[in-house]
Structure formats: structure tokens, C-alpha cells
Amino acid sequence: MLDKKLLGNKLKIARVKKNLSQYDLENLADVDQRLITRYENGKCYPKLDAFVKLIKILEIDANEILEQKNNLKSPYSNIMQKISFLSAKQLNFIELVVDNLTKSGLK
């Protein structure tokens, strides 16, 4: 089962990347902002109807999120935790750096 914190981080990253506040997302998805905060902080899982609304608005693939077997012991979870607080501009910069690293073949 996917860890709540990892799921929350992924939701938050997707929201920030789309330059949406929690309030914006509340209005678009008709999901209470307090619940969005709880999801992003890993306090609870979204109910199915809320989850479907959120992934549609955030334009994220449910399979990509749910198929991950990562938990808090994953080497990626530490990075996910750290970047979850970055701004959209910072996330875009990190994405550019990762793209360049993968294209350069740097090992």
C-alpha cells in the first residue's frame, strides 16, 4: 500500500507545479481545503471521488501514483519530502536539471 506521506507529497508537487494554491484546488475540485491540507501532509488518504477529481485537475496519472511501491524507506522518499516545499519555479528548475543529467548520460 502506498504510504500516505508519499501520496501527499506527490499531490502537493503536482499542485504547486500547476501554480495552484490549496484554495484554488478546493474551488476547482470541490474538495474542502482542510482535507487537501490533510492529504498533502499525509494525515489521511483521499476518498475515491476526491482522488479522481484531484488527479484530473492536477493532470496526473493515477497508475503512476498507485503503482509505486515506495514507502518512507525508499531512497526517493527523502528527496520527495525535501522538494515538496519548493515553489513552482524551483520545481521547474529541478526538472530541467534532471532532464539535462539524463540526456548527458552522466552516471
C-alpha atoms as a PDB file:
ATOM      1  CA  MET A   1       0.000   0.000   0.000  1.00  0.00           C
ATOM      2  CA  LEU A   2       1.264   3.441  -0.902  1.00  0.00           C
ATOM      3  CA  ASP A   3       2.366   5.494   2.060  1.00  0.00           C
ATOM      4  CA  LYS A   4       0.111   8.458   2.881  1.00  0.00           C
ATOM      5  CA  LYS A   5       3.054  10.845   3.100  1.00  0.00           C
ATOM      6  CA  LEU A   6       4.414   9.828  -0.272  1.00  0.00           C
ATOM      7  CA  LEU A   7       0.986  10.215  -1.857  1.00  0.00           C
ATOM      8  CA  GLY A   8       0.566  13.590  -0.162  1.00  0.00           C
ATOM      9  CA  ASN A   9       3.935  14.777  -1.426  1.00  0.00           C
ATOM     10  CA  LYS A  10       3.062  13.767  -4.971  1.00  0.00           C
ATOM     11  CA  LEU A  11      -0.262  15.607  -4.797  1.00  0.00           C
ATOM     12  CA  LYS A  12       1.405  18.715  -3.418  1.00  0.00           C
ATOM     13  CA  ILE A  13       4.154  18.686  -6.032  1.00  0.00           C
ATOM     14  CA  ALA A  14       1.575  18.370  -8.809  1.00  0.00           C
ATOM     15  CA  ARG A  15      -0.497  21.217  -7.327  1.00  0.00           C
ATOM     16  CA  VAL A  16       2.481  23.550  -6.941  1.00  0.00           C
ATOM     17  CA  LYS A  17       3.721  22.695 -10.427  1.00  0.00           C
ATOM     18  CA  LYS A  18       0.361  23.853 -11.818  1.00  0.00           C
ATOM     19  CA  ASN A  19       0.706  27.078  -9.804  1.00  0.00           C
ATOM     20  CA  LEU A  20      -2.440  26.338  -7.787  1.00  0.00           C
ATOM     21  CA  SER A  21      -2.988  27.205  -4.160  1.00  0.00           C
ATOM     22  CA  GLN A  22      -4.897  24.816  -1.945  1.00  0.00           C
ATOM     23  CA  TYR A  23      -7.758  27.303  -2.096  1.00  0.00           C
ATOM     24  CA  ASP A  24      -7.695  27.227  -5.921  1.00  0.00           C
ATOM     25  CA  LEU A  25      -7.762  23.448  -5.853  1.00  0.00           C
ATOM     26  CA  GLU A  26     -10.628  23.485  -3.377  1.00  0.00           C
ATOM     27  CA  ASN A  27     -12.710  25.552  -5.793  1.00  0.00           C
ATOM     28  CA  LEU A  28     -11.787  23.530  -8.860  1.00  0.00           C
ATOM     29  CA  ALA A  29     -12.238  20.075  -7.307  1.00  0.00           C
ATOM     30  CA  ASP A  30     -14.981  20.901  -4.821  1.00  0.00           C
ATOM     31  CA  VAL A  31     -12.832  19.332  -2.098  1.00  0.00           C
ATOM     32  CA  ASP A  32     -12.502  21.163   1.207  1.00  0.00           C
ATOM     33  CA  GLN A  33      -9.167  22.948   1.574  1.00  0.00           C
ATOM     34  CA  ARG A  34      -8.695  21.463   5.050  1.00  0.00           C
ATOM     35  CA  LEU A  35      -8.911  17.984   3.509  1.00  0.00           C
ATOM     36  CA  ILE A  36      -6.400  18.928   0.828  1.00  0.00           C
ATOM     37  CA  THR A  37      -4.034  20.008   3.603  1.00  0.00           C
ATOM     38  CA  ARG A  38      -4.555  16.683   5.388  1.00  0.00           C
ATOM     39  CA  TYR A  39      -3.907  14.741   2.165  1.00  0.00           C
ATOM     40  CA  GLU A  40      -0.736  16.700   1.397  1.00  0.00           C
ATOM     41  CA  ASN A  41       0.551  16.284   4.953  1.00  0.00           C
ATOM     42  CA  GLY A  42      -0.005  12.536   4.808  1.00  0.00           C
ATOM     43  CA  LYS A  43      -2.637  12.549   7.532  1.00  0.00           C
ATOM     44  CA  CYS A  44      -5.237  10.634   5.519  1.00  0.00           C
ATOM     45  CA  TYR A  45      -5.987   9.168   2.116  1.00  0.00           C
ATOM     46  CA  PRO A  46      -8.464  10.921  -0.166  1.00  0.00           C
ATOM     47  CA  LYS A  47     -11.755   9.145  -0.725  1.00  0.00           C
ATOM     48  CA  LEU A  48     -12.093   7.745  -4.233  1.00  0.00           C
ATOM     49  CA  ASP A  49     -14.325  10.521  -5.572  1.00  0.00           C
ATOM     50  CA  ALA A  50     -11.996  13.231  -4.238  1.00  0.00           C
ATOM     51  CA  PHE A  51      -8.935  11.377  -5.547  1.00  0.00           C
ATOM     52  CA  VAL A  52     -10.440  11.167  -9.043  1.00  0.00           C
ATOM     53  CA  LYS A  53     -11.264  14.888  -9.038  1.00  0.00           C
ATOM     54  CA  LEU A  54      -7.788  15.819  -7.843  1.00  0.00           C
ATOM     55  CA  ILE A  55      -5.846  13.743 -10.360  1.00  0.00           C
ATOM     56  CA  LYS A  56      -7.979  15.033 -13.225  1.00  0.00           C
ATOM     57  CA  ILE A  57      -7.441  18.658 -12.258  1.00  0.00           C
ATOM     58  CA  LEU A  58      -3.752  18.142 -11.485  1.00  0.00           C
ATOM     59  CA  GLU A  59      -3.354  16.144 -14.709  1.00  0.00           C
ATOM     60  CA  ILE A  60      -1.501  13.291 -13.059  1.00  0.00           C
ATOM     61  CA  ASP A  61      -1.723   9.619 -13.915  1.00  0.00           C
ATOM     62  CA  ALA A  62      -3.348   7.554 -11.166  1.00  0.00           C
ATOM     63  CA  ASN A  63      -1.366   4.484 -12.198  1.00  0.00           C
ATOM     64  CA  GLU A  64       1.886   6.363 -11.831  1.00  0.00           C
ATOM     65  CA  ILE A  65       0.990   7.220  -8.256  1.00  0.00           C
ATOM     66  CA  LEU A  66      -0.669   3.999  -7.192  1.00  0.00           C
ATOM     67  CA  GLU A  67       1.724   1.530  -8.842  1.00  0.00           C
ATOM     68  CA  GLN A  68       4.650   2.839  -6.883  1.00  0.00           C
ATOM     69  CA  LYS A  69       5.735   0.520  -4.155  1.00  0.00           C
ATOM     70  CA  ASN A  70       7.773   3.224  -2.475  1.00  0.00           C
ATOM     71  CA  ASN A  71       7.430   3.719   1.209  1.00  0.00           C
ATOM     72  CA  LEU A  72       9.248   6.028   3.590  1.00  0.00           C
ATOM     73  CA  LYS A  73      12.303   3.747   3.430  1.00  0.00           C
ATOM     74  CA  SER A  74      12.613   4.353  -0.308  1.00  0.00           C
ATOM     75  CA  PRO A  75      15.707   6.311  -1.408  1.00  0.00           C
ATOM     76  CA  TYR A  76      13.354   8.639  -3.298  1.00  0.00           C
ATOM     77  CA  SER A  77      11.088   9.475  -0.386  1.00  0.00           C
ATOM     78  CA  ASN A  78      13.733  11.695   1.223  1.00  0.00           C
ATOM     79  CA  ILE A  79      14.033  13.691  -1.992  1.00  0.00           C
ATOM     80  CA  MET A  80      10.235  13.818  -2.359  1.00  0.00           C
ATOM     81  CA  GLN A  81       9.944  15.191   1.173  1.00  0.00           C
ATOM     82  CA  LYS A  82      12.544  17.884   0.530  1.00  0.00           C
ATOM     83  CA  ILE A  83      11.168  19.097  -2.784  1.00  0.00           C
ATOM     84  CA  SER A  84       7.547  19.090  -1.677  1.00  0.00           C
ATOM     85  CA  PHE A  85       8.030  22.553  -0.172  1.00  0.00           C
ATOM     86  CA  LEU A  86       9.580  24.176  -3.222  1.00  0.00           C
ATOM     87  CA  SER A  87       7.890  26.745  -5.404  1.00  0.00           C
ATOM     88  CA  ALA A  88       6.749  26.017  -8.944  1.00  0.00           C
ATOM     89  CA  LYS A  89       9.751  27.933 -10.289  1.00  0.00           C
ATOM     90  CA  GLN A  90      12.139  25.878  -8.175  1.00  0.00           C
ATOM     91  CA  LEU A  91      10.452  22.614  -9.228  1.00  0.00           C
ATOM     92  CA  ASN A  92      10.738  23.602 -12.886  1.00  0.00           C
ATOM     93  CA  PHE A  93      14.441  24.303 -12.377  1.00  0.00           C
ATOM     94  CA  ILE A  94      14.976  20.895 -10.759  1.00  0.00           C
ATOM     95  CA  GLU A  95      13.109  19.222 -13.608  1.00  0.00           C
ATOM     96  CA  LEU A  96      15.401  20.991 -16.098  1.00  0.00           C
ATOM     97  CA  VAL A  97      18.494  19.849 -14.191  1.00  0.00           C
ATOM     98  CA  VAL A  98      17.263  16.244 -14.084  1.00  0.00           C
ATOM     99  CA  ASP A  99      16.433  16.355 -17.807  1.00  0.00           C
ATOM    100  CA  ASN A 100      19.935  17.619 -18.573  1.00  0.00           C
ATOM    101  CA  LEU A 101      21.537  14.983 -16.360  1.00  0.00           C
ATOM    102  CA  THR A 102      19.638  12.174 -18.028  1.00  0.00           C
ATOM    103  CA  LYS A 103      20.411  13.483 -21.509  1.00  0.00           C
ATOM    104  CA  SER A 104      24.134  13.837 -20.734  1.00  0.00           C
ATOM    105  CA  GLY A 105      24.425  10.194 -19.745  1.00  0.00           C
ATOM    106  CA  LEU A 106      26.190  11.182 -16.533  1.00  0.00           C
ATOM    107  CA  LYS A 107      26.362   8.188 -14.246  1.00  0.00           C
END
